[in-house]
Amino acid sequence: MDIPLGLVGQVSELLAEYQGAAAVAAVEKRHSAEQRRGLDDTLEVPEPGTTSIVGPIDAVTMLNRLAEQGIKAATVVLDPWYRAKGAQGRAAYLTETVPLLEAASRVADHVFIWGFPEAVARLIDHTPSSVKLEGWLTWYFKNAPSRSKSWRPSQQACLHLRRPSAKMYPEHFYAERHREAAKHNRLEFKMTPFSVFEEALLSGFIKRSEQTGFRWQKPESVIAPLLRMTTRPGDLVIDPTAGSGTTGAVALKLGCAAILSDGSASALKTAQKRLRG
């Protein structure tokens, strides 16, 4: 059974209680092996329009390795384990994501990080000094299943952090008439995407051809505006929490190169099948 790397510590404690030290050693040995896998060789930047898939490997370890090798990207997309919405879950999310943001800011001009709004909000005061908060983005969906006696959750949040010198490309959202006006310096204001993306969850017959069976898969239409705003064809995109490979799929369509990794072997198999047929 695949255990998310972020939960290894908790699983180890449970195994220690019920199965003894031998079981703990087995889990920690597998964890260590997964962290080493993909690190023995020098990582290479793929050609534009292609992807490189590495792992299983912990996200922070992967980003640190990229930094050590001097690999720089236009954009890093982070979609880590969300944790529970209570105080303990929010604290765990903060503890895990602050080092993740630090590592990501060393390899990219733009960093996007997803999570529940209650948890993401706490990151605003803990962002690395090399980047600034550019925007709070919201993915809004109406077709969330009702699993609660209270309000039905219908959103996820994403922080956009960028280096002050990092370029953005609002022109990628221009209609033809806007492009024509821009040529003659007659564009009154720049056409940029809204900070709220209204896209349905991948469920049932909604974008059936895009579905991979991965439980937490986001629609490509949610990731596409992030990359269109921060990359040009040929740029490098990194996603060390790749899941089913949605970031990679969008990067390929935009003519970018992508390095993908994840801590889950099963997730990487899904991404490989999706991106390489």
C-alpha atoms as a PDB file:
ATOM      1  CA  MET A   1       0.000   0.000   0.000  1.00  0.00           C
ATOM      2  CA  ASP A   2       1.325   3.469  -0.930  1.00  0.00           C
ATOM      3  CA  ILE A   3       1.587   5.838   2.036  1.00  0.00           C
ATOM      4  CA  PRO A   4       1.768   9.595   1.260  1.00  0.00           C
ATOM      5  CA  LEU A   5       5.206  10.803   2.318  1.00  0.00           C
ATOM      6  CA  GLY A   6       3.656  13.550   4.400  1.00  0.00           C
ATOM      7  CA  LEU A   7       1.940  10.910   6.537  1.00  0.00           C
ATOM      8  CA  VAL A   8       4.938   8.646   7.110  1.00  0.00           C
ATOM      9  CA  GLY A   9       5.518   9.989  10.619  1.00  0.00           C
ATOM     10  CA  GLN A  10       1.920   9.391  11.703  1.00  0.00           C
ATOM     11  CA  VAL A  11       1.835   5.944  10.141  1.00  0.00           C
ATOM     12  CA  SER A  12       5.077   5.065  11.897  1.00  0.00           C
ATOM     13  CA  GLU A  13       3.543   5.996  15.258  1.00  0.00           C
ATOM     14  CA  LEU A  14       0.478   3.845  14.598  1.00  0.00           C
ATOM     15  CA  LEU A  15       2.600   0.904  13.542  1.00  0.00           C
ATOM     16  CA  ALA A  16       4.765   1.294  16.625  1.00  0.00           C
ATOM     17  CA  GLU A  17       1.675   1.068  18.804  1.00  0.00           C
ATOM     18  CA  TYR A  18       0.113  -1.937  17.104  1.00  0.00           C
ATOM     19  CA  GLN A  19       2.883  -3.852  15.372  1.00  0.00           C
ATOM     20  CA  GLY A  20       6.119  -2.916  17.081  1.00  0.00           C
ATOM     21  CA  ALA A  21       9.464  -1.499  16.072  1.00  0.00           C
ATOM     22  CA  ALA A  22      10.005  -3.914  13.173  1.00  0.00           C
ATOM     23  CA  ALA A  23       7.044  -2.470  11.277  1.00  0.00           C
ATOM     24  CA  VAL A  24       8.259   1.067  11.902  1.00  0.00           C
ATOM     25  CA  ALA A  25      11.685   0.206  10.521  1.00  0.00           C
ATOM     26  CA  ALA A  26      10.082  -1.212   7.368  1.00  0.00           C
ATOM     27  CA  VAL A  27       8.105   1.968   6.701  1.00  0.00           C
ATOM     28  CA  GLU A  28      11.087   4.226   7.360  1.00  0.00           C
ATOM     29  CA  LYS A  29      13.304   2.088   5.119  1.00  0.00           C
ATOM     30  CA  ARG A  30      10.795   2.426   2.260  1.00  0.00           C
ATOM     31  CA  HIS A  31      10.532   6.164   2.894  1.00  0.00           C
ATOM     32  CA  SER A  32      14.303   6.557   2.730  1.00  0.00           C
ATOM     33  CA  ALA A  33      14.491   4.527  -0.478  1.00  0.00           C
ATOM     34  CA  GLU A  34      11.805   6.658  -2.101  1.00  0.00           C
ATOM     35  CA  GLN A  35      13.658   9.845  -1.204  1.00  0.00           C
ATOM     36  CA  ARG A  36      16.876   8.511  -2.765  1.00  0.00           C
ATOM     37  CA  ARG A  37      15.213   7.230  -5.919  1.00  0.00           C
ATOM     38  CA  GLY A  38      15.618   9.692  -8.768  1.00  0.00           C
ATOM     39  CA  LEU A  39      18.545  11.458  -7.054  1.00  0.00           C
ATOM     40  CA  ASP A  40      21.374   9.208  -8.145  1.00  0.00           C
ATOM     41  CA  ASP A  41      21.596  10.731 -11.605  1.00  0.00           C
ATOM     42  CA  THR A  42      21.926  14.333 -12.696  1.00  0.00           C
ATOM     43  CA  LEU A  43      18.523  15.794 -13.497  1.00  0.00           C
ATOM     44  CA  GLU A  44      18.233  17.134 -17.014  1.00  0.00           C
ATOM     45  CA  VAL A  45      15.928  19.864 -18.285  1.00  0.00           C
ATOM     46  CA  PRO A  46      13.613  18.359 -20.915  1.00  0.00           C
ATOM     47  CA  GLU A  47      13.125  19.878 -24.343  1.00  0.00           C
ATOM     48  CA  PRO A  48      10.193  22.274 -24.840  1.00  0.00           C
ATOM     49  CA  GLY A  49       6.999  20.341 -25.416  1.00  0.00           C
ATOM     50  CA  THR A  50       8.230  17.347 -23.400  1.00  0.00           C
ATOM     51  CA  THR A  51       8.162  16.223 -19.768  1.00  0.00           C
ATOM     52  CA  SER A  52      10.544  14.509 -17.383  1.00  0.00           C
ATOM     53  CA  ILE A  53       8.962  12.399 -14.616  1.00  0.00           C
ATOM     54  CA  VAL A  54      11.040  11.623 -11.505  1.00  0.00           C
ATOM     55  CA  GLY A  55      10.323   9.653  -8.367  1.00  0.00           C
ATOM     56  CA  PRO A  56       8.731   8.678  -6.114  1.00  0.00           C
ATOM     57  CA  ILE A  57      10.440  11.449  -4.170  1.00  0.00           C
ATOM     58  CA  ASP A  58       9.537  13.944  -1.454  1.00  0.00           C
ATOM     59  CA  ALA A  59       8.716  17.403  -2.855  1.00  0.00           C
ATOM     60  CA  VAL A  60      11.176  19.389  -0.719  1.00  0.00           C
ATOM     61  CA  THR A  61      13.957  16.922  -1.473  1.00  0.00           C
ATOM     62  CA  MET A  62      13.242  17.218  -5.187  1.00  0.00           C
ATOM     63  CA  LEU A  63      13.237  21.023  -5.160  1.00  0.00           C
ATOM     64  CA  ASN A  64      16.454  21.153  -3.150  1.00  0.00           C
ATOM     65  CA  ARG A  65      18.091  18.810  -5.632  1.00  0.00           C
ATOM     66  CA  LEU A  66      17.026  21.046  -8.517  1.00  0.00           C
ATOM     67  CA  ALA A  67      18.454  24.067  -6.696  1.00  0.00           C
ATOM     68  CA  GLU A  68      21.745  22.253  -6.068  1.00  0.00           C
ATOM     69  CA  GLN A  69      22.054  21.545  -9.770  1.00  0.00           C
ATOM     70  CA  GLY A  70      21.315  25.158 -10.681  1.00  0.00           C
ATOM     71  CA  ILE A  71      18.084  24.374 -12.538  1.00  0.00           C
ATOM     72  CA  LYS A  72      15.809  27.415 -12.786  1.00  0.00           C
ATOM     73  CA  ALA A  73      12.152  27.467 -13.832  1.00  0.00           C
ATOM     74  CA  ALA A  74       9.652  30.107 -14.747  1.00  0.00           C
ATOM     75  CA  THR A  75       6.960  28.559 -12.561  1.00  0.00           C
ATOM     76  CA  VAL A  76       6.516  25.991  -9.796  1.00  0.00           C
ATOM     77  CA  VAL A  77       3.049  24.630  -9.056  1.00  0.00           C
ATOM     78  CA  LEU A  78       2.504  23.118  -5.596  1.00  0.00           C
ATOM     79  CA  ASP A  79      -0.537  21.093  -4.602  1.00  0.00           C
ATOM     80  CA  PRO A  80       0.515  19.410  -1.347  1.00  0.00           C
ATOM     81  CA  TRP A  81      -1.510  17.219   1.004  1.00  0.00           C
ATOM     82  CA  TYR A  82      -4.317  19.441   2.284  1.00  0.00           C
ATOM     83  CA  ARG A  83      -4.768  17.991   5.781  1.00  0.00           C
ATOM     84  CA  ALA A  84      -7.918  18.352   7.878  1.00  0.00           C
ATOM     85  CA  LYS A  85      -9.553  21.761   8.280  1.00  0.00           C
ATOM     86  CA  GLY A  86      -9.288  21.840  12.091  1.00  0.00           C
ATOM     87  CA  ALA A  87      -6.598  23.616  14.095  1.00  0.00           C
ATOM     88  CA  GLN A  88      -4.310  20.572  14.193  1.00  0.00           C
ATOM     89  CA  GLY A  89      -4.615  20.056  10.442  1.00  0.00           C
ATOM     90  CA  ARG A  90      -3.907  23.722   9.713  1.00  0.00           C
ATOM     91  CA  ALA A  91      -0.831  23.625  11.935  1.00  0.00           C
ATOM     92  CA  ALA A  92       0.452  20.507  10.182  1.00  0.00           C
ATOM     93  CA  TYR A  93      -0.171  22.093   6.781  1.00  0.00           C
ATOM     94  CA  LEU A  94       1.759  25.215   7.800  1.00  0.00           C
ATOM     95  CA  THR A  95       4.665  23.179   9.151  1.00  0.00           C
ATOM     96  CA  GLU A  96       4.954  21.198   5.927  1.00  0.00           C
ATOM     97  CA  THR A  97       4.377  23.980   3.410  1.00  0.00           C
ATOM     98  CA  VAL A  98       6.694  26.704   4.708  1.00  0.00           C
ATOM     99  CA  PRO A  99       9.825  24.635   3.870  1.00  0.00           C
ATOM    100  CA  LEU A 100       8.154  23.728   0.570  1.00  0.00           C
ATOM    101  CA  LEU A 101       7.720  27.399  -0.344  1.00  0.00           C
ATOM    102  CA  GLU A 102      11.305  28.174   0.665  1.00  0.00           C
ATOM    103  CA  ALA A 103      12.592  25.411  -1.591  1.00  0.00           C
ATOM    104  CA  ALA A 104      10.320  26.416  -4.490  1.00  0.00           C
ATOM    105  CA  SER A 105      11.345  30.081  -4.295  1.00  0.00           C
ATOM    106  CA  ARG A 106      14.960  29.067  -4.887  1.00  0.00           C
ATOM    107  CA  VAL A 107      14.217  27.511  -8.281  1.00  0.00           C
ATOM    108  CA  ALA A 108      11.402  29.606  -9.804  1.00  0.00           C
ATOM    109  CA  ASP A 109      10.285  33.177 -10.475  1.00  0.00           C
ATOM    110  CA  HIS A 110       6.628  32.296  -9.834  1.00  0.00           C
ATOM    111  CA  VAL A 111       5.223  29.916  -7.207  1.00  0.00           C
ATOM    112  CA  PHE A 112       1.605  28.788  -6.942  1.00  0.00           C
ATOM    113  CA  ILE A 113       0.413  26.826  -3.904  1.00  0.00           C
ATOM    114  CA  TRP A 114      -3.027  25.250  -3.478  1.00  0.00           C
ATOM    115  CA  GLY A 115      -4.952  24.371  -0.343  1.00  0.00           C
ATOM    116  CA  PHE A 116      -8.100  24.900   1.694  1.00  0.00           C
ATOM    117  CA  PRO A 117      -8.706  28.652   2.229  1.00  0.00           C
ATOM    118  CA  GLU A 118      -8.483  28.271   6.024  1.00  0.00           C
ATOM    119  CA  ALA A 119      -4.978  26.812   5.739  1.00  0.00           C
ATOM    120  CA  VAL A 120      -3.666  28.835   2.810  1.00  0.00           C
ATOM    121  CA  ALA A 121      -4.535  32.093   4.601  1.00  0.00           C
ATOM    122  CA  ARG A 122      -1.921  31.394   7.260  1.00  0.00           C
ATOM    123  CA  LEU A 123       0.823  31.163   4.646  1.00  0.00           C
ATOM    124  CA  ILE A 124       0.523  34.829   3.709  1.00  0.00           C
ATOM    125  CA  ASP A 125       2.568  35.846   6.761  1.00  0.00           C
ATOM    126  CA  HIS A 126       5.115  33.068   6.232  1.00  0.00           C
ATOM    127  CA  THR A 127       6.199  33.520   2.619  1.00  0.00           C
ATOM    128  CA  PRO A 128       9.917  33.572   1.723  1.00  0.00           C
ATOM    129  CA  SER A 129      11.542  36.998   1.642  1.00  0.00           C
ATOM    130  CA  SER A 130      12.579  36.579  -2.004  1.00  0.00           C
ATOM    131  CA  VAL A 131       8.976  36.566  -3.267  1.00  0.00           C
ATOM    132  CA  LYS A 132       5.900  38.667  -2.684  1.00  0.00           C
ATOM    133  CA  LEU A 133       2.196  37.899  -2.707  1.00  0.00           C
ATOM    134  CA  GLU A 134       0.909  38.668  -6.192  1.00  0.00           C
ATOM    135  CA  GLY A 135      -2.630  37.367  -5.799  1.00  0.00           C
ATOM    136  CA  TRP A 136      -5.140  35.214  -3.970  1.00  0.00           C
ATOM    137  CA  LEU A 137      -6.852  32.933  -6.491  1.00  0.00           C
ATOM    138  CA  THR A 138     -10.014  30.886  -6.014  1.00  0.00           C
ATOM    139  CA  TRP A 139     -11.244  27.818  -7.845  1.00  0.00           C
ATOM    140  CA  TYR A 140     -15.033  27.835  -7.480  1.00  0.00           C
ATOM    141  CA  PHE A 141     -17.153  24.790  -8.334  1.00  0.00           C
ATOM    142  CA  LYS A 142     -20.892  24.247  -8.002  1.00  0.00           C
ATOM    143  CA  ASN A 143     -21.008  20.458  -8.242  1.00  0.00           C
ATOM    144  CA  ALA A 144     -19.377  19.584  -4.897  1.00  0.00           C
ATOM    145  CA  PRO A 145     -21.097  16.556  -3.301  1.00  0.00           C
ATOM    146  CA  SER A 146     -22.991  17.209  -0.072  1.00  0.00           C
ATOM    147  CA  ARG A 147     -21.204  15.327   2.721  1.00  0.00           C
ATOM    148  CA  SER A 148     -21.915  17.669   5.585  1.00  0.00           C
ATOM    149  CA  LYS A 149     -24.814  18.901   7.695  1.00  0.00           C
ATOM    150  CA  SER A 150     -23.412  22.409   7.355  1.00  0.00           C
ATOM    151  CA  TRP A 151     -22.465  24.550   4.335  1.00  0.00           C
ATOM    152  CA  ARG A 152     -21.309  22.648   1.286  1.00  0.00           C
ATOM    153  CA  PRO A 153     -17.650  23.462   0.446  1.00  0.00           C
ATOM    154  CA  SER A 154     -17.331  24.811  -3.091  1.00  0.00           C
ATOM    155  CA  GLN A 155     -13.855  26.296  -3.401  1.00  0.00           C
ATOM    156  CA  GLN A 156     -10.138  25.806  -3.139  1.00  0.00           C
ATOM    157  CA  ALA A 157      -7.606  28.617  -2.765  1.00  0.00           C
ATOM    158  CA  CYS A 158      -4.282  29.265  -4.466  1.00  0.00           C
ATOM    159  CA  LEU A 159      -1.610  31.815  -3.588  1.00  0.00           C
ATOM    160  CA  HIS A 160       0.495  33.314  -6.373  1.00  0.00           C
ATOM    161  CA  LEU A 161       3.943  34.367  -5.175  1.00  0.00           C
ATOM    162  CA  ARG A 162       6.510  35.974  -7.479  1.00  0.00           C
ATOM    163  CA  ARG A 163       9.911  37.565  -7.483  1.00  0.00           C
ATOM    164  CA  PRO A 164       9.689  41.357  -7.953  1.00  0.00           C
ATOM    165  CA  SER A 165      11.592  41.085 -11.249  1.00  0.00           C
ATOM    166  CA  ALA A 166       9.536  38.172 -12.609  1.00  0.00           C
ATOM    167  CA  LYS A 167       7.665  38.784 -15.846  1.00  0.00           C
ATOM    168  CA  MET A 168       3.957  38.232 -16.369  1.00  0.00           C
ATOM    169  CA  TYR A 169       2.164  37.884 -19.688  1.00  0.00           C
ATOM    170  CA  PRO A 170      -1.298  39.442 -19.694  1.00  0.00           C
ATOM    171  CA  GLU A 171      -1.081  39.615 -23.500  1.00  0.00           C
ATOM    172  CA  HIS A 172      -1.691  35.866 -23.570  1.00  0.00           C
ATOM    173  CA  PHE A 173      -5.302  36.671 -22.639  1.00  0.00           C
ATOM    174  CA  TYR A 174      -5.875  39.291 -25.339  1.00  0.00           C
ATOM    175  CA  ALA A 175      -8.557  38.801 -27.947  1.00  0.00           C
ATOM    176  CA  GLU A 176      -7.572  39.672 -31.514  1.00  0.00           C
ATOM    177  CA  ARG A 177      -9.041  43.170 -31.248  1.00  0.00           C
ATOM    178  CA  HIS A 178      -6.990  43.786 -28.100  1.00  0.00           C
ATOM    179  CA  ARG A 179      -3.824  42.667 -29.890  1.00  0.00           C
ATOM    180  CA  GLU A 180      -4.559  45.013 -32.747  1.00  0.00           C
ATOM    181  CA  ALA A 181      -5.136  47.930 -30.352  1.00  0.00           C
ATOM    182  CA  ALA A 182      -1.931  47.121 -28.492  1.00  0.00           C
ATOM    183  CA  LYS A 183       0.062  47.317 -31.745  1.00  0.00           C
ATOM    184  CA  HIS A 184      -0.988  50.939 -32.098  1.00  0.00           C
ATOM    185  CA  ASN A 185      -0.665  51.748 -28.386  1.00  0.00           C
ATOM    186  CA  ARG A 186      -4.420  52.219 -28.097  1.00  0.00           C
ATOM    187  CA  LEU A 187      -5.166  49.554 -25.517  1.00  0.00           C
ATOM    188  CA  GLU A 188      -6.953  51.346 -22.676  1.00  0.00           C
ATOM    189  CA  PHE A 189      -6.365  48.583 -20.121  1.00  0.00           C
ATOM    190  CA  LYS A 190      -4.736  45.168 -20.041  1.00  0.00           C
ATOM    191  CA  MET A 191      -6.994  42.136 -20.333  1.00  0.00           C
ATOM    192  CA  THR A 192      -6.110  39.787 -17.480  1.00  0.00           C
ATOM    193  CA  PRO A 193      -7.880  36.686 -16.125  1.00  0.00           C
ATOM    194  CA  PHE A 194     -10.227  36.904 -13.160  1.00  0.00           C
ATOM    195  CA  SER A 195      -8.885  35.746  -9.810  1.00  0.00           C
ATOM    196  CA  VAL A 196     -11.876  33.393  -9.485  1.00  0.00           C
ATOM    197  CA  PHE A 197     -12.020  30.405 -11.833  1.00  0.00           C
ATOM    198  CA  GLU A 198     -15.458  28.825 -12.106  1.00  0.00           C
ATOM    199  CA  GLU A 199     -14.885  25.258 -13.267  1.00  0.00           C
ATOM    200  CA  ALA A 200     -16.799  22.111 -12.350  1.00  0.00           C
ATOM    201  CA  LEU A 201     -15.169  19.260 -10.481  1.00  0.00           C
ATOM    202  CA  LEU A 202     -14.159  16.336 -12.683  1.00  0.00           C
ATOM    203  CA  SER A 203     -17.020  14.018 -11.850  1.00  0.00           C
ATOM    204  CA  GLY A 204     -19.453  11.821 -13.721  1.00  0.00           C
ATOM    205  CA  PHE A 205     -19.629  12.848 -17.377  1.00  0.00           C
ATOM    206  CA  ILE A 206     -17.940  16.231 -16.872  1.00  0.00           C
ATOM    207  CA  LYS A 207     -14.838  16.265 -19.104  1.00  0.00           C
ATOM    208  CA  ARG A 208     -14.868  12.480 -19.084  1.00  0.00           C
ATOM    209  CA  SER A 209     -12.000  12.260 -21.575  1.00  0.00           C
ATOM    210  CA  GLU A 210      -9.790  14.224 -19.179  1.00  0.00           C
ATOM    211  CA  GLN A 211     -10.471  12.060 -16.134  1.00  0.00           C
ATOM    212  CA  THR A 212      -7.734   9.649 -15.017  1.00  0.00           C
ATOM    213  CA  GLY A 213      -9.397   8.153 -11.942  1.00  0.00           C
ATOM    214  CA  PHE A 214      -7.029  10.082  -9.659  1.00  0.00           C
ATOM    215  CA  ARG A 215      -9.107  11.177  -6.682  1.00  0.00           C
ATOM    216  CA  TRP A 216      -7.814  14.743  -6.329  1.00  0.00           C
ATOM    217  CA  GLN A 217      -7.397  15.601  -9.997  1.00  0.00           C
ATOM    218  CA  LYS A 218      -7.940  19.236 -10.970  1.00  0.00           C
ATOM    219  CA  PRO A 219      -9.311  20.224 -14.385  1.00  0.00           C
ATOM    220  CA  GLU A 220      -6.711  21.452 -16.867  1.00  0.00           C
ATOM    221  CA  SER A 221      -8.774  24.636 -17.230  1.00  0.00           C
ATOM    222  CA  VAL A 222      -7.927  25.531 -13.605  1.00  0.00           C
ATOM    223  CA  ILE A 223      -4.163  25.184 -14.095  1.00  0.00           C
ATOM    224  CA  ALA A 224      -4.005  26.703 -17.587  1.00  0.00           C
ATOM    225  CA  PRO A 225      -4.498  30.382 -16.536  1.00  0.00           C
ATOM    226  CA  LEU A 226      -1.668  30.071 -14.011  1.00  0.00           C
ATOM    227  CA  LEU A 227       0.810  28.941 -16.639  1.00  0.00           C
ATOM    228  CA  ARG A 228      -0.465  31.248 -19.383  1.00  0.00           C
ATOM    229  CA  MET A 229       0.062  34.263 -17.105  1.00  0.00           C
ATOM    230  CA  THR A 230       3.592  33.288 -16.060  1.00  0.00           C
ATOM    231  CA  THR A 231       5.214  31.401 -18.955  1.00  0.00           C
ATOM    232  CA  ARG A 232       6.039  31.615 -22.634  1.00  0.00           C
ATOM    233  CA  PRO A 233       6.548  28.645 -24.989  1.00  0.00           C
ATOM    234  CA  GLY A 234       9.889  27.050 -24.185  1.00  0.00           C
ATOM    235  CA  ASP A 235       9.872  27.987 -20.492  1.00  0.00           C
ATOM    236  CA  LEU A 236      10.374  25.365 -17.783  1.00  0.00           C
ATOM    237  CA  VAL A 237       7.564  24.431 -15.382  1.00  0.00           C
ATOM    238  CA  ILE A 238       8.121  22.306 -12.268  1.00  0.00           C
ATOM    239  CA  ASP A 239       5.532  20.399 -10.247  1.00  0.00           C
ATOM    240  CA  PRO A 240       6.974  18.292  -7.380  1.00  0.00           C
ATOM    241  CA  THR A 241       3.439  17.347  -6.235  1.00  0.00           C
ATOM    242  CA  ALA A 242       2.361  16.263  -9.693  1.00  0.00           C
ATOM    243  CA  GLY A 243      -0.403  13.811  -8.831  1.00  0.00           C
ATOM    244  CA  SER A 244      -2.030  12.672 -12.086  1.00  0.00           C
ATOM    245  CA  GLY A 245       0.076  15.082 -14.175  1.00  0.00           C
ATOM    246  CA  THR A 246      -2.370  17.930 -14.855  1.00  0.00           C
ATOM    247  CA  THR A 247       0.361  20.590 -14.699  1.00  0.00           C
ATOM    248  CA  GLY A 248       2.421  18.581 -17.173  1.00  0.00           C
ATOM    249  CA  ALA A 249      -0.525  18.162 -19.540  1.00  0.00           C
ATOM    250  CA  VAL A 250      -1.143  21.919 -19.587  1.00  0.00           C
ATOM    251  CA  ALA A 251       2.578  22.704 -19.971  1.00  0.00           C
ATOM    252  CA  LEU A 252       2.795  20.450 -23.031  1.00  0.00           C
ATOM    253  CA  LYS A 253      -0.152  22.185 -24.686  1.00  0.00           C
ATOM    254  CA  LEU A 254       1.497  25.568 -24.092  1.00  0.00           C
ATOM    255  CA  GLY A 255       4.818  24.438 -25.574  1.00  0.00           C
ATOM    256  CA  CYS A 256       6.651  24.486 -22.245  1.00  0.00           C
ATOM    257  CA  ALA A 257       9.008  21.917 -20.748  1.00  0.00           C
ATOM    258  CA  ALA A 258       7.961  20.259 -17.482  1.00  0.00           C
ATOM    259  CA  ILE A 259       9.709  18.383 -14.689  1.00  0.00           C
ATOM    260  CA  LEU A 260       7.216  16.397 -12.640  1.00  0.00           C
ATOM    261  CA  SER A 261       7.646  14.370  -9.465  1.00  0.00           C
ATOM    262  CA  ASP A 262       5.540  13.060  -6.612  1.00  0.00           C
ATOM    263  CA  GLY A 263       5.869  11.071  -3.422  1.00  0.00           C
ATOM    264  CA  SER A 264       3.338   8.481  -4.593  1.00  0.00           C
ATOM    265  CA  ALA A 265       4.374   5.724  -6.982  1.00  0.00           C
ATOM    266  CA  SER A 266       0.754   5.100  -8.020  1.00  0.00           C
ATOM    267  CA  ALA A 267       0.251   8.796  -8.861  1.00  0.00           C
ATOM    268  CA  LEU A 268       3.363   8.797 -11.035  1.00  0.00           C
ATOM    269  CA  LYS A 269       2.145   5.721 -12.911  1.00  0.00           C
ATOM    270  CA  THR A 270      -1.071   7.595 -13.676  1.00  0.00           C
ATOM    271  CA  ALA A 271       0.886  10.652 -14.845  1.00  0.00           C
ATOM    272  CA  GLN A 272       3.182   8.559 -17.033  1.00  0.00           C
ATOM    273  CA  LYS A 273       0.244   6.815 -18.695  1.00  0.00           C
ATOM    274  CA  ARG A 274      -1.522  10.123 -19.239  1.00  0.00           C
ATOM    275  CA  LEU A 275       1.427  12.036 -20.663  1.00  0.00           C
ATOM    276  CA  ARG A 276       3.229   9.313 -22.571  1.00  0.00           C
ATOM    277  CA  GLY A 277       0.315   7.200 -23.713  1.00  0.00           C
END
